[in-house]
Amino acid sequence: LDGAVAVFCGVAGVQPQSETVWRQATIYNVPRIAFVNKMDRVGANFENALKDMRTKLGAYAFPVFLPLGKEDQLKGVIDIINQKALIYDPEDPTGTKFELAEIPPPFQDQAKQALAELIEAVSNKDDAIAELVIEDKPVEPAVLKHAIRRLTCKIELIPVLCGSAFKNRGVQPMVDAVI
């Protein structure tokens, strides 16, 4: 395989079958990204799923998207790198209609903190980003994306996305991330 998308349940987190598949991907050096699914279900917790990936799988996993709300209040996803929100049309059952908007105020601090953590994580593994951080220069989204791609291909970083495949929310950014 050239790469894989590991899908985890937003409610149950990392399950035994996920661990088995993850070990196989590690043995065969398969680069991967992670998608936390079912973020619209009762009990969904993105942070717990991320923590599970780090503890149970030993993954150097960092979110590149965050959920915008949770459970039945899932309105969309937050693009951490570009600091934008993808807000889905609640009247569209297909999940294909969404608008790119500013991040709503209650989520802005969380998105900024997640970006800072992502940049720090990438700078720990990528010299180009580390140089920008040391020189206190801004890390442009395109530069950060290229660094994330390099690290993902080398299996040194696992970008984490989220959404609801059933409602087709967060799926488009996940496919873009694959590309």
N, C-alpha and C. Protein backbone atom coordinates (compact mmCIF):
# COMPACT_ATOMS: atom_id res chain seq x y z
N LEU A 1 0.83 -1.20 0.00
CA LEU A 1 0.00 0.00 0.00
C LEU A 1 0.86 1.25 0.00
N ASP A 2 0.37 2.28 -0.66
CA ASP A 2 1.05 3.58 -0.62
C ASP A 2 0.70 4.34 0.64
N GLY A 3 -0.47 4.06 1.21
CA GLY A 3 -0.91 4.75 2.41
C GLY A 3 -2.25 4.21 2.86
N ALA A 4 -2.65 4.62 4.06
CA ALA A 4 -3.92 4.14 4.60
C ALA A 4 -4.59 5.24 5.41
N VAL A 5 -5.90 5.13 5.52
CA VAL A 5 -6.68 5.97 6.41
C VAL A 5 -7.18 5.06 7.52
N ALA A 6 -6.71 5.29 8.72
CA ALA A 6 -7.17 4.51 9.87
C ALA A 6 -8.41 5.20 10.42
N VAL A 7 -9.51 4.49 10.48
CA VAL A 7 -10.77 5.06 10.95
C VAL A 7 -11.03 4.57 12.37
N PHE A 8 -11.24 5.53 13.26
CA PHE A 8 -11.50 5.22 14.66
C PHE A 8 -12.88 5.74 15.05
N CYS A 9 -13.49 5.07 16.00
CA CYS A 9 -14.81 5.47 16.48
C CYS A 9 -14.66 6.61 17.47
N GLY A 10 -15.42 7.67 17.27
CA GLY A 10 -15.38 8.82 18.17
C GLY A 10 -15.93 8.51 19.54
N VAL A 11 -16.70 7.44 19.67
CA VAL A 11 -17.28 7.04 20.95
C VAL A 11 -16.38 6.03 21.65
N ALA A 12 -16.00 4.96 20.96
CA ALA A 12 -15.23 3.88 21.57
C ALA A 12 -13.73 4.09 21.51
N GLY A 13 -13.25 5.00 20.65
CA GLY A 13 -11.81 5.23 20.51
C GLY A 13 -11.12 4.08 19.80
N VAL A 14 -9.92 3.75 20.25
CA VAL A 14 -9.14 2.67 19.64
C VAL A 14 -9.67 1.34 20.17
N GLN A 15 -10.10 0.50 19.24
CA GLN A 15 -10.64 -0.81 19.59
C GLN A 15 -9.61 -1.89 19.23
N PRO A 16 -9.77 -3.12 19.76
CA PRO A 16 -8.77 -4.17 19.51
C PRO A 16 -8.48 -4.42 18.03
N GLN A 17 -9.52 -4.42 17.18
CA GLN A 17 -9.27 -4.65 15.76
C GLN A 17 -8.47 -3.51 15.14
N SER A 18 -8.64 -2.30 15.67
CA SER A 18 -7.85 -1.16 15.20
C SER A 18 -6.38 -1.35 15.55
N GLU A 19 -6.13 -1.87 16.74
CA GLU A 19 -4.74 -2.12 17.17
C GLU A 19 -4.07 -3.14 16.26
N THR A 20 -4.80 -4.18 15.87
CA THR A 20 -4.26 -5.21 15.00
C THR A 20 -3.90 -4.64 13.63
N VAL A 21 -4.81 -3.88 13.06
CA VAL A 21 -4.55 -3.28 11.75
C VAL A 21 -3.39 -2.28 11.84
N TRP A 22 -3.34 -1.52 12.92
CA TRP A 22 -2.27 -0.53 13.11
C TRP A 22 -0.91 -1.23 13.16
N ARG A 23 -0.84 -2.34 13.89
CA ARG A 23 0.42 -3.09 13.99
C ARG A 23 0.86 -3.59 12.61
N GLN A 24 -0.09 -4.07 11.82
CA GLN A 24 0.24 -4.54 10.47
C GLN A 24 0.78 -3.38 9.62
N ALA A 25 0.13 -2.23 9.72
CA ALA A 25 0.59 -1.06 8.95
C ALA A 25 2.00 -0.65 9.39
N THR A 26 2.28 -0.78 10.67
CA THR A 26 3.61 -0.44 11.18
C THR A 26 4.64 -1.44 10.67
N ILE A 27 4.31 -2.72 10.71
CA ILE A 27 5.23 -3.76 10.24
C ILE A 27 5.61 -3.54 8.77
N TYR A 28 4.62 -3.17 7.96
CA TYR A 28 4.86 -3.00 6.53
C TYR A 28 5.16 -1.55 6.12
N ASN A 29 5.44 -0.71 7.11
CA ASN A 29 5.82 0.69 6.86
C ASN A 29 4.82 1.43 5.96
N VAL A 30 3.56 1.37 6.32
CA VAL A 30 2.51 2.03 5.55
C VAL A 30 2.22 3.40 6.19
N PRO A 31 2.46 4.48 5.44
CA PRO A 31 2.10 5.81 5.97
C PRO A 31 0.58 5.88 6.16
N ARG A 32 0.14 6.64 7.16
CA ARG A 32 -1.30 6.72 7.39
C ARG A 32 -1.71 8.04 8.01
N ILE A 33 -2.99 8.32 7.79
CA ILE A 33 -3.65 9.41 8.48
C ILE A 33 -4.79 8.78 9.27
N ALA A 34 -5.31 9.51 10.24
CA ALA A 34 -6.39 8.98 11.07
C ALA A 34 -7.64 9.82 10.90
N PHE A 35 -8.78 9.15 10.92
CA PHE A 35 -10.07 9.82 10.85
C PHE A 35 -10.91 9.34 12.02
N VAL A 36 -11.30 10.28 12.89
CA VAL A 36 -12.17 9.94 14.02
C VAL A 36 -13.60 10.13 13.54
N ASN A 37 -14.27 9.01 13.39
CA ASN A 37 -15.62 8.98 12.83
C ASN A 37 -16.68 9.03 13.93
N LYS A 38 -17.92 9.18 13.53
CA LYS A 38 -19.08 9.13 14.42
C LYS A 38 -19.08 10.25 15.46
N MET A 39 -18.57 11.41 15.06
CA MET A 39 -18.53 12.54 15.99
C MET A 39 -19.91 13.11 16.26
N ASP A 40 -20.92 12.64 15.52
CA ASP A 40 -22.30 13.09 15.72
C ASP A 40 -23.07 12.19 16.68
N ARG A 41 -22.44 11.14 17.18
CA ARG A 41 -23.14 10.19 18.06
C ARG A 41 -23.02 10.59 19.53
N VAL A 42 -23.98 10.16 20.31
CA VAL A 42 -23.99 10.42 21.75
C VAL A 42 -22.75 9.77 22.36
N GLY A 43 -22.03 10.54 23.16
CA GLY A 43 -20.83 10.04 23.81
C GLY A 43 -19.55 10.24 23.02
N ALA A 44 -19.64 10.87 21.85
CA ALA A 44 -18.45 11.11 21.04
C ALA A 44 -17.52 12.06 21.77
N ASN A 45 -16.22 11.72 21.77
CA ASN A 45 -15.23 12.55 22.44
C ASN A 45 -13.93 12.49 21.65
N PHE A 46 -13.66 13.54 20.90
CA PHE A 46 -12.49 13.60 20.03
C PHE A 46 -11.20 13.51 20.84
N GLU A 47 -11.14 14.22 21.96
CA GLU A 47 -9.93 14.24 22.78
C GLU A 47 -9.58 12.85 23.31
N ASN A 48 -10.61 12.09 23.72
CA ASN A 48 -10.36 10.73 24.21
C ASN A 48 -9.85 9.82 23.10
N ALA A 49 -10.42 9.97 21.91
CA ALA A 49 -9.96 9.15 20.77
C ALA A 49 -8.50 9.47 20.44
N LEU A 50 -8.16 10.75 20.47
CA LEU A 50 -6.78 11.18 20.21
C LEU A 50 -5.84 10.63 21.28
N LYS A 51 -6.26 10.72 22.53
CA LYS A 51 -5.46 10.20 23.65
C LYS A 51 -5.25 8.69 23.49
N ASP A 52 -6.31 7.98 23.09
CA ASP A 52 -6.19 6.53 22.84
C ASP A 52 -5.15 6.23 21.77
N MET A 53 -5.15 7.00 20.69
CA MET A 53 -4.17 6.78 19.61
C MET A 53 -2.75 6.93 20.14
N ARG A 54 -2.57 7.93 20.97
CA ARG A 54 -1.23 8.18 21.50
C ARG A 54 -0.80 7.12 22.51
N THR A 55 -1.70 6.74 23.40
CA THR A 55 -1.33 5.79 24.46
C THR A 55 -1.37 4.34 23.98
N LYS A 56 -2.44 3.91 23.36
CA LYS A 56 -2.58 2.51 22.96
C LYS A 56 -1.76 2.14 21.73
N LEU A 57 -1.61 3.08 20.82
CA LEU A 57 -0.89 2.79 19.57
C LEU A 57 0.51 3.39 19.53
N GLY A 58 0.81 4.27 20.47
CA GLY A 58 2.11 4.93 20.47
C GLY A 58 2.27 5.86 19.28
N ALA A 59 1.17 6.37 18.78
CA ALA A 59 1.20 7.21 17.58
C ALA A 59 1.58 8.65 17.93
N TYR A 60 2.41 9.25 17.11
CA TYR A 60 2.73 10.67 17.21
C TYR A 60 1.63 11.38 16.42
N ALA A 61 0.44 11.42 17.03
CA ALA A 61 -0.77 11.88 16.35
C ALA A 61 -1.16 13.28 16.81
N PHE A 62 -1.45 14.14 15.83
CA PHE A 62 -1.87 15.50 16.12
C PHE A 62 -2.98 15.91 15.18
N PRO A 63 -4.00 16.57 15.73
CA PRO A 63 -5.13 16.95 14.88
C PRO A 63 -4.78 18.05 13.88
N VAL A 64 -5.31 17.89 12.67
CA VAL A 64 -5.25 18.96 11.67
C VAL A 64 -6.65 19.53 11.45
N PHE A 65 -7.65 18.82 11.98
CA PHE A 65 -9.04 19.28 12.01
C PHE A 65 -9.61 18.97 13.38
N LEU A 66 -10.50 19.82 13.85
CA LEU A 66 -11.21 19.61 15.10
C LEU A 66 -12.70 19.61 14.82
N PRO A 67 -13.47 18.92 15.65
CA PRO A 67 -14.92 18.97 15.47
C PRO A 67 -15.47 20.33 15.90
N LEU A 68 -16.43 20.81 15.18
CA LEU A 68 -17.12 22.06 15.52
C LEU A 68 -18.42 21.65 16.21
N GLY A 69 -18.34 21.47 17.51
CA GLY A 69 -19.45 20.93 18.28
C GLY A 69 -19.28 19.44 18.42
N LYS A 70 -20.23 18.81 19.10
CA LYS A 70 -20.17 17.35 19.22
C LYS A 70 -21.57 16.79 19.40
N GLU A 71 -21.63 15.50 19.24
CA GLU A 71 -22.89 14.77 19.31
C GLU A 71 -23.90 15.38 18.34
N ASP A 72 -25.13 15.63 18.78
CA ASP A 72 -26.14 16.16 17.86
C ASP A 72 -25.91 17.63 17.53
N GLN A 73 -24.92 18.25 18.16
CA GLN A 73 -24.58 19.66 17.89
C GLN A 73 -23.37 19.80 16.95
N LEU A 74 -22.98 18.72 16.29
CA LEU A 74 -21.86 18.77 15.35
C LEU A 74 -22.28 19.60 14.14
N LYS A 75 -21.71 20.78 14.02
CA LYS A 75 -22.07 21.69 12.92
C LYS A 75 -21.10 21.61 11.75
N GLY A 76 -19.91 21.11 12.01
CA GLY A 76 -18.89 21.05 10.98
C GLY A 76 -17.55 20.70 11.57
N VAL A 77 -16.49 21.15 10.90
CA VAL A 77 -15.13 20.90 11.37
C VAL A 77 -14.31 22.18 11.28
N ILE A 78 -13.27 22.24 12.08
CA ILE A 78 -12.36 23.39 12.09
C ILE A 78 -11.06 22.99 11.43
N ASP A 79 -10.67 23.72 10.42
CA ASP A 79 -9.39 23.53 9.74
C ASP A 79 -8.34 24.25 10.57
N ILE A 80 -7.54 23.50 11.29
CA ILE A 80 -6.55 24.10 12.19
C ILE A 80 -5.48 24.86 11.42
N ILE A 81 -5.00 24.29 10.34
CA ILE A 81 -3.90 24.90 9.60
C ILE A 81 -4.29 26.25 9.01
N ASN A 82 -5.48 26.33 8.41
CA ASN A 82 -5.93 27.58 7.79
C ASN A 82 -6.75 28.45 8.73
N GLN A 83 -7.05 27.94 9.93
CA GLN A 83 -7.84 28.66 10.92
C GLN A 83 -9.17 29.12 10.33
N LYS A 84 -9.89 28.16 9.75
CA LYS A 84 -11.21 28.39 9.17
C LYS A 84 -12.16 27.29 9.63
N ALA A 85 -13.45 27.56 9.52
CA ALA A 85 -14.46 26.56 9.87
C ALA A 85 -15.22 26.14 8.62
N LEU A 86 -15.48 24.85 8.49
CA LEU A 86 -16.36 24.34 7.45
C LEU A 86 -17.67 24.03 8.14
N ILE A 87 -18.67 24.85 7.87
CA ILE A 87 -19.97 24.72 8.52
C ILE A 87 -20.95 24.12 7.52
N TYR A 88 -21.50 22.97 7.89
CA TYR A 88 -22.39 22.24 6.99
C TYR A 88 -23.81 22.76 7.10
N ASP A 89 -24.51 22.72 5.97
CA ASP A 89 -25.91 23.13 5.91
C ASP A 89 -26.76 22.07 6.60
N PRO A 90 -27.44 22.43 7.70
CA PRO A 90 -28.23 21.42 8.44
C PRO A 90 -29.42 20.87 7.64
N GLU A 91 -29.83 21.59 6.61
CA GLU A 91 -30.96 21.14 5.78
C GLU A 91 -30.54 20.16 4.69
N ASP A 92 -29.23 20.01 4.48
CA ASP A 92 -28.72 19.15 3.42
C ASP A 92 -28.32 17.79 3.99
N PRO A 93 -29.12 16.76 3.76
CA PRO A 93 -28.80 15.44 4.33
C PRO A 93 -27.59 14.78 3.67
N THR A 94 -27.16 15.25 2.50
CA THR A 94 -26.03 14.64 1.81
C THR A 94 -24.70 15.14 2.35
N GLY A 95 -24.69 16.27 3.06
CA GLY A 95 -23.45 16.80 3.60
C GLY A 95 -22.54 17.42 2.57
N THR A 96 -23.06 17.70 1.39
CA THR A 96 -22.22 18.27 0.33
C THR A 96 -22.23 19.79 0.32
N LYS A 97 -23.18 20.40 1.02
CA LYS A 97 -23.26 21.86 1.05
C LYS A 97 -22.68 22.36 2.37
N PHE A 98 -21.64 23.17 2.24
CA PHE A 98 -21.04 23.75 3.43
C PHE A 98 -20.45 25.11 3.06
N GLU A 99 -20.23 25.91 4.07
CA GLU A 99 -19.61 27.21 3.82
C GLU A 99 -18.32 27.30 4.61
N LEU A 100 -17.34 27.94 4.01
CA LEU A 100 -16.08 28.21 4.66
C LEU A 100 -16.24 29.54 5.37
N ALA A 101 -16.07 29.54 6.69
CA ALA A 101 -16.33 30.74 7.48
C ALA A 101 -15.26 30.92 8.54
N GLU A 102 -15.36 32.04 9.23
CA GLU A 102 -14.47 32.27 10.37
C GLU A 102 -14.86 31.30 11.49
N ILE A 103 -13.91 30.96 12.30
CA ILE A 103 -14.18 30.06 13.42
C ILE A 103 -15.05 30.80 14.43
N PRO A 104 -16.15 30.18 14.86
CA PRO A 104 -17.01 30.83 15.86
C PRO A 104 -16.22 31.13 17.14
N PRO A 105 -16.52 32.27 17.79
CA PRO A 105 -15.76 32.70 18.97
C PRO A 105 -15.55 31.64 20.06
N PRO A 106 -16.54 30.80 20.39
CA PRO A 106 -16.28 29.82 21.46
C PRO A 106 -15.18 28.81 21.12
N PHE A 107 -14.84 28.66 19.84
CA PHE A 107 -13.86 27.66 19.42
C PHE A 107 -12.52 28.26 19.00
N GLN A 108 -12.40 29.60 18.98
CA GLN A 108 -11.19 30.24 18.48
C GLN A 108 -9.96 29.93 19.31
N ASP A 109 -10.08 29.98 20.63
CA ASP A 109 -8.92 29.71 21.48
C ASP A 109 -8.45 28.27 21.32
N GLN A 110 -9.39 27.35 21.25
CA GLN A 110 -9.06 25.94 21.07
C GLN A 110 -8.33 25.73 19.74
N ALA A 111 -8.79 26.40 18.68
CA ALA A 111 -8.17 26.26 17.36
C ALA A 111 -6.76 26.86 17.36
N LYS A 112 -6.58 27.99 18.01
CA LYS A 112 -5.24 28.61 18.06
C LYS A 112 -4.27 27.75 18.87
N GLN A 113 -4.76 27.19 19.97
CA GLN A 113 -3.91 26.32 20.78
C GLN A 113 -3.54 25.06 20.00
N ALA A 114 -4.50 24.50 19.27
CA ALA A 114 -4.23 23.30 18.47
C ALA A 114 -3.21 23.60 17.37
N LEU A 115 -3.28 24.79 16.77
CA LEU A 115 -2.29 25.17 15.74
C LEU A 115 -0.91 25.28 16.36
N ALA A 116 -0.82 25.91 17.53
CA ALA A 116 0.48 26.05 18.21
C ALA A 116 1.06 24.67 18.53
N GLU A 117 0.22 23.75 19.01
CA GLU A 117 0.68 22.39 19.33
C GLU A 117 1.11 21.65 18.07
N LEU A 118 0.37 21.84 16.98
CA LEU A 118 0.72 21.19 15.72
C LEU A 118 2.06 21.70 15.20
N ILE A 119 2.25 23.01 15.23
CA ILE A 119 3.51 23.59 14.76
C ILE A 119 4.67 23.09 15.62
N GLU A 120 4.46 23.02 16.93
CA GLU A 120 5.51 22.52 17.82
C GLU A 120 5.84 21.05 17.51
N ALA A 121 4.80 20.25 17.31
CA ALA A 121 5.00 18.83 17.01
C ALA A 121 5.75 18.64 15.70
N VAL A 122 5.37 19.41 14.69
CA VAL A 122 6.03 19.30 13.39
C VAL A 122 7.47 19.81 13.49
N SER A 123 7.68 20.89 14.23
CA SER A 123 9.04 21.45 14.35
C SER A 123 9.97 20.49 15.09
N ASN A 124 9.44 19.62 15.92
CA ASN A 124 10.26 18.62 16.61
C ASN A 124 10.82 17.58 15.65
N LYS A 125 10.19 17.43 14.49
CA LYS A 125 10.59 16.39 13.53
C LYS A 125 11.07 16.93 12.19
N ASP A 126 10.80 18.21 11.88
CA ASP A 126 11.09 18.77 10.56
C ASP A 126 11.99 19.99 10.71
N ASP A 127 13.17 19.95 10.10
CA ASP A 127 14.14 21.04 10.24
C ASP A 127 13.67 22.37 9.66
N ALA A 128 12.94 22.32 8.54
CA ALA A 128 12.48 23.56 7.91
C ALA A 128 11.53 24.33 8.83
N ILE A 129 10.62 23.62 9.47
CA ILE A 129 9.67 24.26 10.39
C ILE A 129 10.39 24.67 11.67
N ALA A 130 11.30 23.82 12.14
CA ALA A 130 12.07 24.15 13.34
C ALA A 130 12.85 25.45 13.14
N GLU A 131 13.42 25.64 11.97
CA GLU A 131 14.17 26.86 11.67
C GLU A 131 13.26 28.09 11.74
N LEU A 132 12.06 27.98 11.17
CA LEU A 132 11.11 29.09 11.22
C LEU A 132 10.72 29.42 12.66
N VAL A 133 10.50 28.39 13.46
CA VAL A 133 10.11 28.58 14.86
C VAL A 133 11.25 29.23 15.64
N ILE A 134 12.46 28.74 15.44
CA ILE A 134 13.62 29.30 16.15
C ILE A 134 13.84 30.75 15.78
N GLU A 135 13.67 31.08 14.50
CA GLU A 135 13.85 32.45 14.04
C GLU A 135 12.63 33.32 14.31
N ASP A 136 11.62 32.73 14.96
CA ASP A 136 10.38 33.44 15.31
C ASP A 136 9.69 34.03 14.08
N LYS A 137 9.72 33.26 12.99
CA LYS A 137 9.06 33.67 11.75
C LYS A 137 7.72 32.95 11.68
N PRO A 138 6.74 33.53 10.98
CA PRO A 138 5.44 32.85 10.86
C PRO A 138 5.55 31.60 10.00
N VAL A 139 4.77 30.60 10.36
CA VAL A 139 4.73 29.36 9.59
C VAL A 139 3.48 29.43 8.72
N GLU A 140 3.69 29.64 7.43
CA GLU A 140 2.58 29.77 6.49
C GLU A 140 1.87 28.42 6.32
N PRO A 141 0.56 28.43 6.08
CA PRO A 141 -0.18 27.17 5.92
C PRO A 141 0.40 26.23 4.86
N ALA A 142 0.79 26.76 3.72
CA ALA A 142 1.32 25.91 2.65
C ALA A 142 2.62 25.23 3.08
N VAL A 143 3.47 25.96 3.78
CA VAL A 143 4.74 25.40 4.26
C VAL A 143 4.47 24.32 5.30
N LEU A 144 3.53 24.57 6.20
CA LEU A 144 3.17 23.60 7.22
C LEU A 144 2.58 22.34 6.60
N LYS A 145 1.72 22.49 5.59
CA LYS A 145 1.13 21.33 4.92
C LYS A 145 2.20 20.46 4.26
N HIS A 146 3.18 21.10 3.62
CA HIS A 146 4.25 20.34 2.98
C HIS A 146 5.07 19.57 4.02
N ALA A 147 5.32 20.20 5.16
CA ALA A 147 6.07 19.53 6.22
C ALA A 147 5.27 18.35 6.77
N ILE A 148 3.97 18.55 6.97
CA ILE A 148 3.12 17.46 7.46
C ILE A 148 3.13 16.30 6.47
N ARG A 149 3.07 16.62 5.19
CA ARG A 149 3.11 15.56 4.17
C ARG A 149 4.43 14.80 4.23
N ARG A 150 5.54 15.52 4.33
CA ARG A 150 6.85 14.85 4.42
C ARG A 150 6.90 13.90 5.61
N LEU A 151 6.45 14.40 6.77
CA LEU A 151 6.49 13.57 7.98
C LEU A 151 5.53 12.40 7.91
N THR A 152 4.38 12.60 7.29
CA THR A 152 3.41 11.52 7.14
C THR A 152 3.99 10.42 6.24
N CYS A 153 4.61 10.81 5.16
CA CYS A 153 5.20 9.83 4.24
C CYS A 153 6.34 9.05 4.90
N LYS A 154 7.06 9.70 5.83
CA LYS A 154 8.14 9.04 6.56
C LYS A 154 7.65 8.31 7.81
N ILE A 155 6.32 8.34 8.03
CA ILE A 155 5.67 7.71 9.18
C ILE A 155 6.21 8.28 10.50
N GLU A 156 6.42 9.58 10.51
CA GLU A 156 6.89 10.24 11.72
C GLU A 156 5.79 11.07 12.38
N LEU A 157 4.66 11.24 11.69
CA LEU A 157 3.54 12.02 12.21
C LEU A 157 2.25 11.43 11.65
N ILE A 158 1.23 11.40 12.49
CA ILE A 158 -0.09 10.95 12.04
C ILE A 158 -1.04 12.13 12.12
N PRO A 159 -1.43 12.72 10.98
CA PRO A 159 -2.44 13.79 11.00
C PRO A 159 -3.81 13.19 11.34
N VAL A 160 -4.55 13.86 12.22
CA VAL A 160 -5.84 13.35 12.65
C VAL A 160 -6.95 14.29 12.19
N LEU A 161 -7.94 13.72 11.52
CA LEU A 161 -9.12 14.46 11.08
C LEU A 161 -10.34 13.87 11.76
N CYS A 162 -11.49 14.50 11.58
CA CYS A 162 -12.68 14.01 12.26
C CYS A 162 -13.94 14.35 11.47
N GLY A 163 -15.03 13.72 11.87
CA GLY A 163 -16.30 14.01 11.22
C GLY A 163 -17.29 12.89 11.41
N SER A 164 -18.24 12.84 10.50
CA SER A 164 -19.28 11.81 10.53
C SER A 164 -19.45 11.30 9.10
N ALA A 165 -18.95 10.09 8.85
CA ALA A 165 -19.05 9.53 7.50
C ALA A 165 -20.51 9.32 7.11
N PHE A 166 -21.35 8.93 8.07
CA PHE A 166 -22.76 8.66 7.79
C PHE A 166 -23.45 9.92 7.25
N LYS A 167 -23.13 11.08 7.83
CA LYS A 167 -23.74 12.33 7.39
C LYS A 167 -22.85 13.09 6.40
N ASN A 168 -21.75 12.45 6.00
CA ASN A 168 -20.83 13.04 5.02
C ASN A 168 -20.26 14.38 5.50
N ARG A 169 -19.93 14.47 6.76
CA ARG A 169 -19.37 15.70 7.32
C ARG A 169 -17.92 15.44 7.72
N GLY A 170 -17.04 16.24 7.17
CA GLY A 170 -15.62 16.05 7.42
C GLY A 170 -14.98 15.06 6.46
N VAL A 171 -15.77 14.48 5.57
CA VAL A 171 -15.24 13.50 4.62
C VAL A 171 -14.46 14.20 3.51
N GLN A 172 -14.97 15.33 3.02
CA GLN A 172 -14.27 16.05 1.94
C GLN A 172 -12.86 16.47 2.38
N PRO A 173 -12.69 17.07 3.57
CA PRO A 173 -11.33 17.41 4.00
C PRO A 173 -10.44 16.17 4.16
N MET A 174 -11.03 15.05 4.56
CA MET A 174 -10.26 13.82 4.71
C MET A 174 -9.75 13.35 3.35
N VAL A 175 -10.60 13.41 2.34
CA VAL A 175 -10.15 13.02 0.99
C VAL A 175 -9.08 13.99 0.49
N ASP A 176 -9.26 15.29 0.77
CA ASP A 176 -8.22 16.26 0.41
C ASP A 176 -6.91 15.95 1.11
N ALA A 177 -6.98 15.53 2.36
CA ALA A 177 -5.77 15.18 3.12
C ALA A 177 -5.06 13.98 2.50
N VAL A 178 -5.83 13.03 2.00
CA VAL A 178 -5.23 11.87 1.33
C VAL A 178 -4.43 12.33 0.11
N ILE A 179 -5.03 13.25 -0.64
CA ILE A 179 -4.37 13.74 -1.85
C ILE A 179 -3.16 14.57 -1.48
